[in-house]
Amino acid sequence: MREIKKVAILGAGAMGAYFASRFFDTACFSTVLIAKDHRLDKLKTEGLIVNGKSYAIPAIDPDETDSPADLIIVALKHHHLKEAVPGLGKLVGDSTTIVSIMNGLESEEYIGSIYGTDKVLYAISVAIDALRQGNRITYTKPGKHYFGEARNIQHHLSQRVLRVQEAFDRAGIVYETPEDMIRMMWWKFMVNVGMNQASAVMRAPYGVFQTSPEAQGLMEALMKEVIALTDVMDVNLTNQDIEEWYSFLNVLSPQGKTSMLQDIEAGRKTEVEIFGGKVIELGKTHGVATPVNQTLLQIIRVLEQHSGDHHDYKERP
């Protein structure tokens, strides 16, 4: 397979902007943002500002492209997935690789059902403390990015994995290809279920979770319900996996915020359905109690429906 040169990013939020800026800053890549309608117009007129630097990254309508991309990075919120992904057809060719850095457990399967599972690699991003305000994205830690096939044997990696590794090397993106990518997906799911939801209901940045036993207790209670699920689903997460999260958490900017907290503060729809909602659904299927996730799901749904500060919620029309 030929070297990756043309990179297309679907989603210009905090994660999409990080990847777009890395590839755009590397001369050997041709980098574009994918969007339609008002999102396309906004990207064309405003561009992106990443860590104070303005980026005029070309933005294209996927229906109007004239050639496939070598690499497509999908960085959407879950509720935009089924609206945006089916329109990528003209960008997907025989040698296109699609990497989804979305939250949750379902995006790879959905993308693969449209374009072929052989084109899709699993991926997660951990410990990037990116904050988004409009088209302005800032981060102090670029995080680490894990990707690969479901199973990866070192020295026998697939050509798609090797090709993306080489592209990430050129772009200066820190990565790892673990042997068991499905376990890594579940570990990140556990982290999101605990960290995102607890931070959203308490309006708490990372610094609170670095120092407050009470905040850590709520986060861990949410995570332990995921571990209970994996006990009956042959994934093999343990309490040690919670401890490993602290090594990432403790180096994040204390002022940094999870994506769900940023969504709550901005009055945007959150991804609670693929976090707490998914835990509750799987709990019912496998007979595992999930009372903490059930409680936080109800709280976050109320927060989504109302705006205002901590004490003065105003009903939306």
Foldseek 3Di string as FASTA:
>chain_A
DDAFAEEEEEDQFQVSVLVQVLQVVQVRHQYEYEDDDPVQVCCCVQNAAEANRGDNRHYDHLVPDDAAGQEYEYEDEPVCLVVPLLSNVRNDDPNHAYEYQYAFDPNLVVNCVRRNNVRYKYKYWAQWLWDDDPRYIYTDDLTEMEIAHQAADPVPGDPSVVSVVVSCVSSVHHYDYDGHVSLVSLLVLLQCLQQLLLCQLVVAALLCCLPPPVSVVLSVLRSVLSVVLCVVVVSDDDVVSVVVSSVSSNPGDRRGHDPNNSCLQVLHDHNLCSRLVVSVVSCVVVVGDRVSSVVSSVSSVVSSQWYDDPPDTDGDD
